[in-house]
Amino acid sequence: MNLRQLRYVVATADHGTMTSAAQALYVAQPALSRAVRELERELGVELFARSGRGVALTPAGEQVVRQARIALDAVGAIEGMSVARANGRGAELRIAVTASLEPELTGRLVPRFARHQPAVRVRVIRCDDRDRVAAALRTGRADLALTDLPVPGDMSAHPFEQREVVLISPPALRVREPVPPAALDGMRLVLPARGTARRAEIDAVLRRVGATPVAAVESDERGAWLGCVRAGMGSLLWYRNQIEDTEGVTVRSFMPPITRMIGLVHAHRRLPPAARDFLAFAKDAGREPH
């Protein structure tokens, strides 16, 4: 028996299928299945009842998973004690984030934290969407995450900042100011490519306000979006704090405002010292003007 097997069993229990567990852990599904079978043979019990739709824990499996969670939490606590005794030397902090929030993390928070805690190595884990972020936390692949709120009930959330969604448009666009969200219905928009995490975020905003725009441009090349707006091809929905160059475009607020709350999130387990330090630092940073 080893920690890798315990992590695989816990992940399979959390995700309901070995395929989903393997994807969340970024391992090959056959390797995960083989490790689980080896543990079953070693223990002499069946941990999962397999079916066409996935797997379900057997009574013995429920007991094993319960104890595995305790064991993994204990290992994390012991590792944390080791880091604390070394005064943070060699500590690693793993933070999961979606693509749209990665600039906030790597451009603002991590550099400032590194100045305060130079001994801590910060590893950023990019995830495709919020589900992958949650999976990284549940399986112990990440200590913290920066993501949208709210989050599932098995996560602890610490609100960090509220973001304003604005309309970035060619100056010639005639629209009432502040912009009523209903004005987005039928408007020509520059949108992220279909199937991407950024597109899913914008689609969620549009569903929330009940608007169906016209896709004038669909591209995941973020650097080209403002150029499309300047060329008069359409308008763009994005976050005010992530707009760096407003030359040749007009930035308009909505009324009522369209906002998005983001926060630091972690699983319900003891955090290592570096993660606790980053959480305290981020809370202070969120209260500062920028």
Foldseek 3Di string as FASTA:
>chain_A
DDLVLLLLLLLLQVPQALVVSCVLVVHDSVVSVVSPVVVCVVVVHDQWDQDPVHTHGDPVNVVSNVVSVVVVLVVQVVVLVVCVVVVNAPAEAEEEEEPQCVCVCVVPQVVVVCVVRVRYHYHYHYDQAPVSRVSCQSSVVHAKYKFFDDDDPQKDWDWQAKWFKKKKAAPPDDADALHALQVQAAFEEAAEAPPGRRRVVVVVLCVVSVHDYHDQHYHNPVVCRVVCRLVRSGMYIDTPVPDDDNPRIDIGAYVVIRMTIITMMHGPGDGRPVVVVSRVVSNVVSPDDD
